[in-house]
C-alpha atoms as a PDB file:
ATOM      1  CA  MET A   1     -36.188 -54.091 -44.646  1.00  0.00           C
ATOM      2  CA  PRO A   2     -33.601 -56.689 -43.644  1.00  0.00           C
ATOM      3  CA  GLY A   3     -31.187 -55.714 -46.423  1.00  0.00           C
ATOM      4  CA  ASN A   4     -30.987 -52.158 -45.147  1.00  0.00           C
ATOM      5  CA  ILE A   5     -29.054 -52.632 -41.877  1.00  0.00           C
ATOM      6  CA  GLY A   6     -26.685 -49.697 -42.112  1.00  0.00           C
ATOM      7  CA  PHE A   7     -23.453 -49.027 -40.273  1.00  0.00           C
ATOM      8  CA  PRO A   8     -24.839 -48.574 -36.718  1.00  0.00           C
ATOM      9  CA  GLY A   9     -26.815 -51.812 -36.968  1.00  0.00           C
ATOM     10  CA  LEU A  10     -23.753 -53.652 -38.228  1.00  0.00           C
ATOM     11  CA  VAL A  11     -21.681 -52.372 -35.299  1.00  0.00           C
ATOM     12  CA  VAL A  12     -24.349 -53.532 -32.832  1.00  0.00           C
ATOM     13  CA  ILE A  13     -24.440 -56.992 -34.427  1.00  0.00           C
ATOM     14  CA  LEU A  14     -20.643 -57.289 -34.303  1.00  0.00           C
ATOM     15  CA  VAL A  15     -20.525 -56.210 -30.639  1.00  0.00           C
ATOM     16  CA  ILE A  16     -23.213 -58.751 -29.706  1.00  0.00           C
ATOM     17  CA  ALA A  17     -21.344 -61.485 -31.609  1.00  0.00           C
ATOM     18  CA  LEU A  18     -18.122 -60.533 -29.817  1.00  0.00           C
ATOM     19  CA  ILE A  19     -19.857 -60.741 -26.435  1.00  0.00           C
ATOM     20  CA  ILE A  20     -21.502 -64.094 -27.204  1.00  0.00           C
ATOM     21  CA  PHE A  21     -18.594 -65.914 -28.887  1.00  0.00           C
ATOM     22  CA  GLY A  22     -15.572 -64.118 -27.458  1.00  0.00           C
ATOM     23  CA  PRO A  23     -12.511 -62.732 -29.226  1.00  0.00           C
ATOM     24  CA  ARG A  24     -10.861 -66.137 -29.748  1.00  0.00           C
ATOM     25  CA  LYS A  25     -13.793 -67.907 -31.391  1.00  0.00           C
ATOM     26  CA  LEU A  26     -14.955 -65.037 -33.637  1.00  0.00           C
ATOM     27  CA  PRO A  27     -12.145 -65.357 -36.274  1.00  0.00           C
ATOM     28  CA  GLU A  28     -12.792 -69.106 -36.531  1.00  0.00           C
ATOM     29  CA  ILE A  29     -16.492 -68.485 -37.109  1.00  0.00           C
ATOM     30  CA  GLY A  30     -15.702 -65.852 -39.747  1.00  0.00           C
ATOM     31  CA  ARG A  31     -13.300 -68.187 -41.510  1.00  0.00           C
ATOM     32  CA  ALA A  32     -15.852 -71.015 -41.533  1.00  0.00           C
ATOM     33  CA  PHE A  33     -18.517 -68.643 -42.863  1.00  0.00           C
ATOM     34  CA  GLY A  34     -16.171 -67.472 -45.622  1.00  0.00           C
ATOM     35  CA  GLU A  35     -15.347 -71.036 -46.663  1.00  0.00           C
ATOM     36  CA  THR A  36     -19.046 -71.928 -46.716  1.00  0.00           C
ATOM     37  CA  LEU A  37     -19.854 -68.899 -48.852  1.00  0.00           C
ATOM     38  CA  ARG A  38     -16.978 -69.717 -51.240  1.00  0.00           C
ATOM     39  CA  GLU A  39     -18.205 -73.304 -51.666  1.00  0.00           C
ATOM     40  CA  PHE A  40     -21.766 -72.077 -52.263  1.00  0.00           C
ATOM     41  CA  LYS A  41     -20.613 -69.673 -54.980  1.00  0.00           C
ATOM     42  CA  LYS A  42     -18.505 -72.403 -56.560  1.00  0.00           C
ATOM     43  CA  SER A  43     -21.394 -74.860 -56.668  1.00  0.00           C
ATOM     44  CA  THR A  44     -23.900 -72.324 -58.018  1.00  0.00           C
ATOM     45  CA  SER A  45     -21.509 -71.257 -60.767  1.00  0.00           C
ATOM     46  CA  GLY A  46     -21.087 -74.918 -61.647  1.00  0.00           C
ATOM     47  CA  LEU A  47     -24.852 -75.278 -61.958  1.00  0.00           C
ATOM     48  CA  VAL A  48     -25.068 -72.224 -64.200  1.00  0.00           C
ATOM     49  CA  ASN A  49     -22.248 -73.543 -66.410  1.00  0.00           C
ATOM     50  CA  ASP A  50     -23.941 -76.943 -66.675  1.00  0.00           C
ATOM     51  CA  THR A  51     -27.226 -75.282 -67.667  1.00  0.00           C
ATOM     52  CA  ASP A  52     -25.495 -73.141 -70.301  1.00  0.00           C
ATOM     53  CA  GLU A  53     -23.724 -76.165 -71.787  1.00  0.00           C
ATOM     54  CA  LYS A  54     -26.983 -78.130 -71.907  1.00  0.00           C
ATOM     55  CA  GLU A  55     -28.717 -75.262 -73.730  1.00  0.00           C
ATOM     56  CA  LYS A  56     -25.889 -75.135 -76.295  1.00  0.00           C
ATOM     57  CA  VAL A  57     -26.118 -78.875 -76.917  1.00  0.00           C
ATOM     58  CA  ASP A  58     -29.913 -78.691 -77.231  1.00  0.00           C
ATOM     59  CA  SER A  59     -29.709 -75.793 -79.710  1.00  0.00           C
ATOM     60  CA  LYS A  60     -27.143 -77.674 -81.841  1.00  0.00           C
ATOM     61  CA  GLN A  61     -29.347 -80.746 -81.936  1.00  0.00           C
ATOM     62  CA  LYS A  62     -32.334 -78.724 -83.160  1.00  0.00           C
ATOM     63  CA  VAL A  63     -30.385 -77.225 -86.066  1.00  0.00           C
END
């Protein structure tokens, strides 16, 4: 199960990432990943809000 990594697996992944990218590049990669995740959440919440508003308008038109 990929969602069940656990603490030892996470430590191994972080050590491998540190070896591959080095200590200077790793914070930049983390920051870029965080910004990407934030933008993704922002855009998906916008889609959900648009869908909710459309459903409200459709229900008002039917009444």
